[in-house]
């Protein structure tokens, strides 16, 4: 017998196995299940959906700027950078 063919026990279901490698810890069925679990644990999670700002056309931005009594440039700076103008 080869040195790698030694008897052992599965760590999940505790059935007897014949190890084909020195580091083998699971039977074939449990190995598939453990691999699937570990893959799911490290799977990147989906990012939370963020609310996207509505894109304004230039005409809409100009109208909004007039309503706020600002110039177009000051209005854009205010909505994009958070700059306050008085």
Foldseek 3Di string as FASTA:
>chain_A
DDPQQDWDAAPPPRDIDGGNHPPDRHDPVVVVVVVVVVCVVPPDDDDDDDDDDDDDDLVRLCVVCVVVVHHSVVSVCCVPPVDDDD
